[in-house]
Amino acid sequence: MNDFDNFHNRTPKRLIFISFVLALLLDLMPFGTSAVFWLPEFTALVLLYWTINRPQSIGITAAFITGLLIDIGTAGLLGQHALAYMLMIFTVKKYQRQITLHSYDWQAVAVFFALCGSQFALLIIRLVYHHNLPASAWLGFIAPFVGAFLWPLLNKLMLVVLNFRRLRR
């Protein structure tokens, strides 16, 4: 076990819970209709962060629960985000070791594909449920680009929070 693994293993579950609460609040905050398409799913980004950096604490169950909370909060079809998040986290957990070996730039590429997979799953679910696709359905694929660009910033922010907590002791 190296210092990086040891550093993330000492992360308290309370901090993980707080990060999910903040991400859920950001996702459920009402924004204008023009901003909806380019805003990433912050809950998905936090799920990906903890799945990549602390896979023993976050898994399919956390993805299911947070997906259900997003579905309830957005009054959407119950289970669509839960299924999309579970597929996303399953795939990322499978390649977690390879993802952590790379820099934040290459991790952002993996995050982009994971977020695109989640959006694609949501698109398929909506197609099956509504039997048609609205013209704006493809605009949902702008958000994974923004999420991938925010990935290095999220990593730096979480490391600052973790280091600040460690220095306070």
Protein backbone atom coordinates (compact mmCIF):
# COMPACT_ATOMS: atom_id res chain seq x y z
CA MET A 1 0.00 0.00 0.00
CA ASN A 2 1.47 3.36 -1.01
CA ASP A 3 0.91 6.81 0.49
CA PHE A 4 -1.87 7.62 -1.97
CA ASP A 5 -3.90 4.56 -0.98
CA ASN A 6 -3.26 5.21 2.69
CA PHE A 7 -4.25 8.88 2.28
CA HIS A 8 -7.65 8.00 0.82
CA ASN A 9 -8.23 5.11 3.23
CA ARG A 10 -8.19 7.56 6.12
CA THR A 11 -11.00 9.61 4.56
CA PRO A 12 -13.91 9.68 7.01
CA LYS A 13 -17.30 8.51 5.79
CA ARG A 14 -18.73 11.78 7.09
CA LEU A 15 -16.76 13.70 4.44
CA ILE A 16 -18.02 11.35 1.72
CA PHE A 17 -21.58 11.86 2.93
CA ILE A 18 -21.18 15.67 3.00
CA SER A 19 -19.81 15.67 -0.54
CA PHE A 20 -22.85 13.70 -1.73
CA VAL A 21 -25.24 16.06 0.04
CA LEU A 22 -23.59 19.09 -1.57
CA ALA A 23 -23.66 17.43 -5.00
CA LEU A 24 -27.33 16.53 -4.60
CA LEU A 25 -28.12 20.12 -3.61
CA LEU A 26 -26.30 21.40 -6.70
CA ASP A 27 -28.14 18.94 -8.94
CA LEU A 28 -31.53 19.81 -7.49
CA MET A 29 -30.98 23.58 -7.56
CA PRO A 30 -33.35 25.23 -10.05
CA PHE A 31 -31.47 26.76 -12.96
CA GLY A 32 -32.80 28.41 -16.09
CA THR A 33 -33.73 26.26 -19.06
CA SER A 34 -30.74 27.49 -21.06
CA ALA A 35 -28.30 26.33 -18.38
CA VAL A 36 -29.74 22.84 -17.92
CA PHE A 37 -28.05 21.30 -20.94
CA TRP A 38 -24.48 22.32 -20.20
CA LEU A 39 -24.47 21.73 -16.45
CA PRO A 40 -22.91 18.37 -15.54
CA GLU A 41 -24.52 16.00 -13.11
CA PHE A 42 -22.57 16.84 -9.98
CA THR A 43 -23.82 13.73 -8.22
CA ALA A 44 -22.39 11.58 -11.02
CA LEU A 45 -19.06 13.43 -10.77
CA VAL A 46 -18.87 12.88 -7.00
CA LEU A 47 -19.84 9.22 -7.48
CA LEU A 48 -17.05 8.86 -10.03
CA TYR A 49 -14.54 10.64 -7.79
CA TRP A 50 -15.14 8.40 -4.80
CA THR A 51 -15.40 5.27 -6.96
CA ILE A 52 -12.03 5.98 -8.52
CA ASN A 53 -10.25 7.16 -5.37
CA ARG A 54 -11.94 5.06 -2.67
CA PRO A 55 -13.62 2.10 -4.37
CA GLN A 56 -14.03 0.12 -1.16
CA SER A 57 -16.47 2.72 0.22
CA ILE A 58 -18.58 3.59 -2.81
CA GLY A 59 -20.14 1.07 -5.11
CA ILE A 60 -23.25 -0.04 -6.90
CA THR A 61 -25.47 0.43 -3.84
CA ALA A 62 -24.43 4.07 -3.41
CA ALA A 63 -25.03 4.63 -7.13
CA PHE A 64 -28.50 3.13 -6.82
CA ILE A 65 -29.43 5.22 -3.77
CA THR A 66 -28.14 8.50 -5.19
CA GLY A 67 -29.83 7.74 -8.52
CA LEU A 68 -33.14 7.22 -6.75
CA LEU A 69 -32.66 10.47 -4.82
CA ILE A 70 -32.03 12.34 -8.08
CA ASP A 71 -35.13 10.74 -9.65
CA ILE A 72 -37.25 11.71 -6.65
CA GLY A 73 -35.81 15.23 -6.55
CA THR A 74 -36.37 15.88 -10.23
CA ALA A 75 -39.76 14.12 -10.31
CA GLY A 76 -38.48 12.01 -13.18
CA LEU A 77 -39.13 8.44 -14.08
CA LEU A 78 -38.26 6.49 -10.94
CA GLY A 79 -35.16 4.39 -11.45
CA GLN A 80 -33.77 5.93 -14.63
CA HIS A 81 -30.85 7.69 -12.95
CA ALA A 82 -30.39 4.75 -10.60
CA LEU A 83 -29.91 2.39 -13.54
CA ALA A 84 -27.68 4.83 -15.44
CA TYR A 85 -25.49 5.46 -12.36
CA MET A 86 -25.23 1.74 -11.59
CA LEU A 87 -24.05 0.97 -15.13
CA MET A 88 -21.59 3.87 -14.99
CA ILE A 89 -20.13 2.84 -11.62
CA PHE A 90 -19.96 -0.85 -12.60
CA THR A 91 -17.89 0.04 -15.65
CA VAL A 92 -15.60 2.42 -13.77
CA LYS A 93 -15.04 -0.07 -10.94
CA LYS A 94 -14.01 -2.65 -13.51
CA TYR A 95 -11.24 -0.37 -14.83
CA GLN A 96 -10.52 1.55 -11.62
CA ARG A 97 -6.90 0.42 -11.26
CA GLN A 98 -6.05 1.42 -14.82
CA ILE A 99 -7.77 4.80 -14.43
CA THR A 100 -5.86 5.70 -11.26
CA LEU A 101 -2.52 5.03 -12.95
CA HIS A 102 -2.99 7.95 -15.32
CA SER A 103 -2.87 11.71 -14.88
CA TYR A 104 -5.95 13.84 -14.33
CA ASP A 105 -6.11 14.58 -18.07
CA TRP A 106 -6.43 10.90 -18.98
CA GLN A 107 -8.80 10.38 -16.06
CA ALA A 108 -10.95 13.15 -17.53
CA VAL A 109 -11.19 11.14 -20.76
CA ALA A 110 -12.39 8.10 -18.79
CA VAL A 111 -14.84 10.31 -16.89
CA PHE A 112 -16.10 11.73 -20.19
CA PHE A 113 -16.84 8.25 -21.54
CA ALA A 114 -18.48 7.22 -18.26
CA LEU A 115 -20.71 10.31 -18.27
CA CYS A 116 -21.54 9.76 -21.96
CA GLY A 117 -22.50 6.18 -21.14
CA SER A 118 -24.77 7.43 -18.38
CA GLN A 119 -26.38 9.96 -20.74
CA PHE A 120 -26.81 7.28 -23.38
CA ALA A 121 -28.52 4.98 -20.87
CA LEU A 122 -30.84 7.83 -19.86
CA LEU A 123 -31.58 8.49 -23.54
CA ILE A 124 -32.46 4.84 -24.17
CA ILE A 125 -34.68 4.72 -21.07
CA ARG A 126 -36.53 7.86 -22.17
CA LEU A 127 -36.91 6.47 -25.69
CA VAL A 128 -38.43 3.23 -24.37
CA TYR A 129 -40.73 5.07 -21.96
CA HIS A 130 -41.94 7.91 -24.23
CA HIS A 131 -41.59 6.09 -27.59
CA ASN A 132 -40.03 9.18 -29.16
CA LEU A 133 -37.09 11.50 -28.67
CA PRO A 134 -37.50 15.24 -28.33
CA ALA A 135 -35.25 17.39 -30.49
CA SER A 136 -33.40 18.61 -27.40
CA ALA A 137 -32.48 15.06 -26.29
CA TRP A 138 -29.08 15.27 -27.97
CA LEU A 139 -28.23 18.48 -26.13
CA GLY A 140 -27.79 16.34 -23.00
CA PHE A 141 -24.46 15.17 -24.42
CA ILE A 142 -22.96 18.65 -23.84
CA ALA A 143 -22.86 18.03 -20.08
CA PRO A 144 -20.28 15.18 -20.23
CA PHE A 145 -17.84 17.57 -21.93
CA VAL A 146 -18.26 20.08 -19.12
CA GLY A 147 -17.97 17.32 -16.53
CA ALA A 148 -14.73 16.11 -18.09
CA PHE A 149 -13.33 19.65 -18.09
CA LEU A 150 -14.29 20.01 -14.41
CA TRP A 151 -12.69 16.70 -13.43
CA PRO A 152 -9.16 18.04 -12.72
CA LEU A 153 -10.67 20.91 -10.73
CA LEU A 154 -12.78 18.50 -8.67
CA ASN A 155 -9.70 16.38 -7.94
CA LYS A 156 -7.69 19.40 -6.82
CA LEU A 157 -10.58 20.69 -4.70
CA MET A 158 -11.08 17.36 -2.96
CA LEU A 159 -7.34 17.04 -2.29
CA VAL A 160 -7.32 20.52 -0.75
CA VAL A 161 -10.24 19.55 1.50
CA LEU A 162 -8.57 16.28 2.49
CA ASN A 163 -5.22 17.98 3.15
CA PHE A 164 -6.86 20.77 5.15
CA ARG A 165 -8.61 18.20 7.30
CA ARG A 166 -5.34 16.35 7.79
CA LEU A 167 -3.40 19.51 8.70
CA ARG A 168 -6.00 20.55 11.26
CA ARG A 169 -5.20 17.51 13.37
